[in-house]
Amino acid sequence: STEKQISGAEKNLKTAGNTGTDIGKMLMERAAAGKLTDPQQASVDQMKREQSARANQYLSSLGIPVSTAMVQSQNKVDQDALKFANDLINQSFQQGLQAMNLGGITAGGSKRR
């Protein structure tokens, strides 16, 4: 019957909403702890490798040996990586908020009269 279908659909929405809320909570907790997901960490690590390689190649092309310039270059790469990681953490937090909001709306279901 139509009532059963509506009831089943509302139950499915509530389950989806609870899942969204759980995912949102997990993302926010991880972000609040300053932790990256594994894919995010891999992105940061790759960015650091690529920037370090470019900087080293540039300095080598100028004939600058391992020196203070390379240490400064590596410090810049580390600062950029930290900023990138923080940006990813902030994105996770925002995604967590969005998932919790969506989960809350979906879990609430519709109000039938």
N, C-alpha and C. Protein backbone atom coordinates (compact mmCIF):
# COMPACT_ATOMS: atom_id res chain seq x y z
N SER A 1 0.84 -1.19 0.00
CA SER A 1 0.00 0.00 0.00
C SER A 1 0.88 1.25 0.00
N THR A 2 0.27 2.34 -0.30
CA THR A 2 1.00 3.60 -0.35
C THR A 2 1.53 3.98 1.02
N GLU A 3 0.77 3.72 2.08
CA GLU A 3 1.22 4.03 3.45
C GLU A 3 2.48 3.25 3.78
N LYS A 4 2.54 1.97 3.38
CA LYS A 4 3.73 1.15 3.64
C LYS A 4 4.92 1.70 2.87
N GLN A 5 4.69 2.09 1.62
CA GLN A 5 5.78 2.64 0.81
C GLN A 5 6.32 3.93 1.43
N ILE A 6 5.42 4.79 1.88
CA ILE A 6 5.84 6.05 2.50
C ILE A 6 6.60 5.76 3.78
N SER A 7 6.08 4.84 4.56
CA SER A 7 6.74 4.49 5.82
C SER A 7 8.12 3.91 5.55
N GLY A 8 8.24 3.06 4.54
CA GLY A 8 9.53 2.47 4.18
C GLY A 8 10.50 3.53 3.69
N ALA A 9 10.00 4.47 2.91
CA ALA A 9 10.86 5.54 2.40
C ALA A 9 11.35 6.42 3.55
N GLU A 10 10.47 6.71 4.51
CA GLU A 10 10.87 7.52 5.66
C GLU A 10 11.93 6.79 6.49
N LYS A 11 11.77 5.47 6.63
CA LYS A 11 12.76 4.69 7.38
C LYS A 11 14.11 4.73 6.67
N ASN A 12 14.10 4.60 5.34
CA ASN A 12 15.35 4.67 4.56
C ASN A 12 16.01 6.04 4.70
N LEU A 13 15.20 7.09 4.68
CA LEU A 13 15.74 8.44 4.85
C LEU A 13 16.38 8.60 6.22
N LYS A 14 15.73 8.06 7.24
CA LYS A 14 16.27 8.17 8.59
C LYS A 14 17.61 7.43 8.69
N THR A 15 17.69 6.24 8.09
CA THR A 15 18.94 5.47 8.10
C THR A 15 20.03 6.24 7.38
N ALA A 16 19.71 6.80 6.22
CA ALA A 16 20.69 7.58 5.47
C ALA A 16 21.11 8.81 6.27
N GLY A 17 20.16 9.42 6.94
CA GLY A 17 20.46 10.59 7.76
C GLY A 17 21.39 10.25 8.90
N ASN A 18 21.14 9.13 9.55
CA ASN A 18 22.01 8.72 10.65
C ASN A 18 23.42 8.44 10.15
N THR A 19 23.52 7.83 8.97
CA THR A 19 24.83 7.56 8.38
C THR A 19 25.54 8.88 8.08
N GLY A 20 24.83 9.84 7.51
CA GLY A 20 25.41 11.15 7.23
C GLY A 20 25.88 11.84 8.49
N THR A 21 25.08 11.73 9.55
CA THR A 21 25.46 12.33 10.82
C THR A 21 26.70 11.67 11.39
N ASP A 22 26.77 10.34 11.31
CA ASP A 22 27.93 9.61 11.81
C ASP A 22 29.20 9.99 11.04
N ILE A 23 29.09 10.07 9.73
CA ILE A 23 30.24 10.44 8.91
C ILE A 23 30.66 11.87 9.23
N GLY A 24 29.68 12.75 9.35
CA GLY A 24 29.98 14.13 9.68
C GLY A 24 30.69 14.26 11.01
N LYS A 25 30.22 13.52 11.99
CA LYS A 25 30.84 13.56 13.32
C LYS A 25 32.28 13.06 13.25
N MET A 26 32.49 11.97 12.50
CA MET A 26 33.84 11.41 12.37
C MET A 26 34.78 12.41 11.70
N LEU A 27 34.32 13.06 10.62
CA LEU A 27 35.16 14.04 9.92
C LEU A 27 35.50 15.22 10.84
N MET A 28 34.52 15.68 11.59
CA MET A 28 34.74 16.82 12.47
C MET A 28 35.69 16.46 13.61
N GLU A 29 35.54 15.27 14.19
CA GLU A 29 36.43 14.85 15.28
C GLU A 29 37.86 14.72 14.77
N ARG A 30 38.01 14.13 13.60
CA ARG A 30 39.35 13.96 13.03
C ARG A 30 39.98 15.33 12.75
N ALA A 31 39.19 16.23 12.18
CA ALA A 31 39.69 17.58 11.88
C ALA A 31 40.03 18.33 13.16
N ALA A 32 39.19 18.21 14.17
CA ALA A 32 39.44 18.90 15.44
C ALA A 32 40.72 18.40 16.09
N ALA A 33 41.06 17.14 15.85
CA ALA A 33 42.29 16.56 16.39
C ALA A 33 43.50 16.89 15.50
N GLY A 34 43.24 17.57 14.38
CA GLY A 34 44.33 17.94 13.48
C GLY A 34 44.87 16.78 12.67
N LYS A 35 44.04 15.77 12.44
CA LYS A 35 44.49 14.58 11.72
C LYS A 35 44.00 14.60 10.28
N LEU A 36 44.89 14.19 9.40
CA LEU A 36 44.54 14.05 7.99
C LEU A 36 44.06 12.62 7.73
N THR A 37 43.21 12.47 6.72
CA THR A 37 42.87 11.12 6.28
C THR A 37 44.09 10.58 5.53
N ASP A 38 44.14 9.29 5.29
CA ASP A 38 45.27 8.70 4.56
C ASP A 38 45.43 9.32 3.17
N PRO A 39 44.34 9.50 2.39
CA PRO A 39 44.51 10.14 1.08
C PRO A 39 45.00 11.59 1.19
N GLN A 40 44.54 12.31 2.21
CA GLN A 40 45.01 13.68 2.40
C GLN A 40 46.50 13.70 2.72
N GLN A 41 46.93 12.79 3.60
CA GLN A 41 48.35 12.72 3.95
C GLN A 41 49.19 12.38 2.73
N ALA A 42 48.68 11.49 1.90
CA ALA A 42 49.41 11.13 0.68
C ALA A 42 49.54 12.35 -0.24
N SER A 43 48.50 13.17 -0.31
CA SER A 43 48.55 14.39 -1.13
C SER A 43 49.60 15.36 -0.60
N VAL A 44 49.64 15.53 0.72
CA VAL A 44 50.63 16.42 1.33
C VAL A 44 52.04 15.90 1.07
N ASP A 45 52.24 14.60 1.26
CA ASP A 45 53.57 14.01 1.04
C ASP A 45 54.01 14.17 -0.42
N GLN A 46 53.09 13.97 -1.34
CA GLN A 46 53.41 14.12 -2.77
C GLN A 46 53.76 15.57 -3.07
N MET A 47 53.00 16.51 -2.53
CA MET A 47 53.28 17.92 -2.75
C MET A 47 54.68 18.28 -2.24
N LYS A 48 55.04 17.76 -1.06
CA LYS A 48 56.36 18.04 -0.50
C LYS A 48 57.46 17.48 -1.40
N ARG A 49 57.28 16.24 -1.87
CA ARG A 49 58.30 15.62 -2.74
C ARG A 49 58.48 16.43 -4.02
N GLU A 50 57.35 16.83 -4.62
CA GLU A 50 57.42 17.56 -5.89
C GLU A 50 58.06 18.94 -5.69
N GLN A 51 57.66 19.65 -4.64
CA GLN A 51 58.25 20.98 -4.40
C GLN A 51 59.73 20.87 -4.08
N SER A 52 60.11 19.88 -3.28
CA SER A 52 61.53 19.69 -2.94
C SER A 52 62.34 19.39 -4.18
N ALA A 53 61.82 18.53 -5.03
CA ALA A 53 62.53 18.17 -6.26
C ALA A 53 62.70 19.39 -7.16
N ARG A 54 61.63 20.18 -7.30
CA ARG A 54 61.71 21.38 -8.14
C ARG A 54 62.73 22.37 -7.57
N ALA A 55 62.67 22.59 -6.26
CA ALA A 55 63.59 23.54 -5.64
C ALA A 55 65.03 23.07 -5.78
N ASN A 56 65.27 21.78 -5.52
CA ASN A 56 66.63 21.24 -5.64
C ASN A 56 67.14 21.33 -7.08
N GLN A 57 66.26 21.04 -8.01
CA GLN A 57 66.64 21.10 -9.43
C GLN A 57 66.98 22.55 -9.81
N TYR A 58 66.17 23.49 -9.33
CA TYR A 58 66.41 24.90 -9.63
C TYR A 58 67.75 25.36 -9.07
N LEU A 59 67.97 25.05 -7.79
CA LEU A 59 69.23 25.46 -7.16
C LEU A 59 70.44 24.81 -7.84
N SER A 60 70.30 23.55 -8.20
CA SER A 60 71.39 22.84 -8.90
C SER A 60 71.66 23.48 -10.26
N SER A 61 70.58 23.88 -10.96
CA SER A 61 70.76 24.50 -12.27
C SER A 61 71.50 25.83 -12.17
N LEU A 62 71.41 26.46 -11.00
CA LEU A 62 72.13 27.72 -10.78
C LEU A 62 73.55 27.47 -10.28
N GLY A 63 73.89 26.19 -10.05
CA GLY A 63 75.21 25.85 -9.57
C GLY A 63 75.39 26.07 -8.08
N ILE A 64 74.26 26.13 -7.36
CA ILE A 64 74.32 26.34 -5.91
C ILE A 64 74.43 24.98 -5.23
N PRO A 65 75.50 24.73 -4.50
CA PRO A 65 75.67 23.44 -3.83
C PRO A 65 74.75 23.33 -2.61
N VAL A 66 74.73 22.13 -2.01
CA VAL A 66 73.96 21.93 -0.78
C VAL A 66 74.44 22.98 0.21
N SER A 67 73.54 23.81 0.62
CA SER A 67 73.95 24.95 1.42
C SER A 67 72.76 25.50 2.18
N THR A 68 72.97 26.67 2.69
CA THR A 68 71.91 27.37 3.41
C THR A 68 70.70 27.58 2.52
N ALA A 69 70.94 27.84 1.23
CA ALA A 69 69.83 28.05 0.30
C ALA A 69 68.93 26.82 0.23
N MET A 70 69.54 25.63 0.23
CA MET A 70 68.73 24.41 0.18
C MET A 70 67.96 24.20 1.48
N VAL A 71 68.60 24.53 2.60
CA VAL A 71 67.90 24.41 3.89
C VAL A 71 66.71 25.38 3.91
N GLN A 72 66.94 26.60 3.44
CA GLN A 72 65.85 27.58 3.39
C GLN A 72 64.75 27.11 2.45
N SER A 73 65.16 26.53 1.34
CA SER A 73 64.20 26.01 0.37
C SER A 73 63.36 24.90 1.00
N GLN A 74 64.00 24.00 1.74
CA GLN A 74 63.27 22.91 2.39
C GLN A 74 62.33 23.45 3.46
N ASN A 75 62.75 24.48 4.19
CA ASN A 75 61.88 25.10 5.19
C ASN A 75 60.63 25.67 4.53
N LYS A 76 60.80 26.28 3.36
CA LYS A 76 59.65 26.83 2.61
C LYS A 76 58.71 25.71 2.20
N VAL A 77 59.27 24.60 1.73
CA VAL A 77 58.45 23.45 1.34
C VAL A 77 57.67 22.94 2.55
N ASP A 78 58.33 22.84 3.70
CA ASP A 78 57.66 22.37 4.92
C ASP A 78 56.54 23.31 5.34
N GLN A 79 56.78 24.62 5.23
CA GLN A 79 55.74 25.60 5.56
C GLN A 79 54.55 25.47 4.62
N ASP A 80 54.83 25.32 3.32
CA ASP A 80 53.76 25.14 2.34
C ASP A 80 52.97 23.86 2.61
N ALA A 81 53.68 22.80 2.98
CA ALA A 81 53.01 21.52 3.27
C ALA A 81 52.11 21.65 4.51
N LEU A 82 52.59 22.37 5.51
CA LEU A 82 51.78 22.57 6.72
C LEU A 82 50.52 23.36 6.39
N LYS A 83 50.66 24.40 5.59
CA LYS A 83 49.48 25.18 5.18
C LYS A 83 48.50 24.31 4.40
N PHE A 84 49.03 23.51 3.47
CA PHE A 84 48.19 22.62 2.68
C PHE A 84 47.46 21.63 3.59
N ALA A 85 48.17 21.05 4.55
CA ALA A 85 47.55 20.10 5.48
C ALA A 85 46.45 20.79 6.28
N ASN A 86 46.71 21.99 6.76
CA ASN A 86 45.69 22.72 7.52
C ASN A 86 44.48 23.04 6.66
N ASP A 87 44.71 23.39 5.40
CA ASP A 87 43.59 23.63 4.48
C ASP A 87 42.74 22.37 4.31
N LEU A 88 43.41 21.22 4.18
CA LEU A 88 42.68 19.95 4.04
C LEU A 88 41.89 19.62 5.31
N ILE A 89 42.49 19.89 6.47
CA ILE A 89 41.80 19.64 7.73
C ILE A 89 40.56 20.53 7.84
N ASN A 90 40.70 21.80 7.46
CA ASN A 90 39.56 22.71 7.48
C ASN A 90 38.46 22.24 6.53
N GLN A 91 38.86 21.73 5.36
CA GLN A 91 37.88 21.19 4.42
C GLN A 91 37.14 20.00 5.02
N SER A 92 37.88 19.13 5.70
CA SER A 92 37.24 17.97 6.35
C SER A 92 36.23 18.42 7.38
N PHE A 93 36.60 19.44 8.15
CA PHE A 93 35.69 19.95 9.18
C PHE A 93 34.41 20.49 8.53
N GLN A 94 34.57 21.27 7.46
CA GLN A 94 33.41 21.82 6.75
C GLN A 94 32.55 20.70 6.15
N GLN A 95 33.20 19.68 5.58
CA GLN A 95 32.46 18.56 5.02
C GLN A 95 31.72 17.81 6.12
N GLY A 96 32.36 17.72 7.29
CA GLY A 96 31.69 17.08 8.43
C GLY A 96 30.45 17.84 8.85
N LEU A 97 30.57 19.16 8.90
CA LEU A 97 29.40 19.99 9.24
C LEU A 97 28.28 19.78 8.23
N GLN A 98 28.65 19.80 6.95
CA GLN A 98 27.65 19.61 5.90
C GLN A 98 26.99 18.25 6.01
N ALA A 99 27.78 17.21 6.27
CA ALA A 99 27.22 15.86 6.39
C ALA A 99 26.29 15.77 7.59
N MET A 100 26.68 16.42 8.70
CA MET A 100 25.82 16.39 9.88
C MET A 100 24.52 17.15 9.62
N ASN A 101 24.61 18.28 8.94
CA ASN A 101 23.40 19.04 8.63
C ASN A 101 22.49 18.24 7.71
N LEU A 102 23.07 17.65 6.68
CA LEU A 102 22.28 16.82 5.77
C LEU A 102 21.71 15.62 6.51
N GLY A 103 22.53 14.99 7.34
CA GLY A 103 22.06 13.84 8.11
C GLY A 103 20.92 14.20 9.04
N GLY A 104 21.02 15.37 9.68
CA GLY A 104 19.97 15.81 10.58
C GLY A 104 18.66 16.07 9.86
N ILE A 105 18.78 16.68 8.67
CA ILE A 105 17.57 16.97 7.88
C ILE A 105 16.95 15.66 7.42
N THR A 106 17.78 14.75 6.93
CA THR A 106 17.28 13.49 6.39
C THR A 106 16.74 12.60 7.51
N ALA A 107 17.45 12.55 8.65
CA ALA A 107 17.00 11.71 9.75
C ALA A 107 15.71 12.20 10.34
N GLY A 108 15.45 13.51 10.24
CA GLY A 108 14.22 14.07 10.78
C GLY A 108 13.01 13.61 10.02
N GLY A 109 13.22 13.25 8.76
CA GLY A 109 12.11 12.78 7.94
C GLY A 109 11.12 13.89 7.65
N SER A 110 10.08 13.55 6.95
CA SER A 110 9.07 14.55 6.63
C SER A 110 7.98 14.49 7.68
N LYS A 111 7.31 15.58 7.82
CA LYS A 111 6.19 15.65 8.77
C LYS A 111 4.90 15.49 7.99
N ARG A 112 4.25 14.33 8.16
CA ARG A 112 2.97 14.10 7.46
C ARG A 112 1.84 14.54 8.35
N ARG A 113 0.78 14.94 7.74
CA ARG A 113 -0.39 15.36 8.52
C ARG A 113 -1.51 14.39 8.30
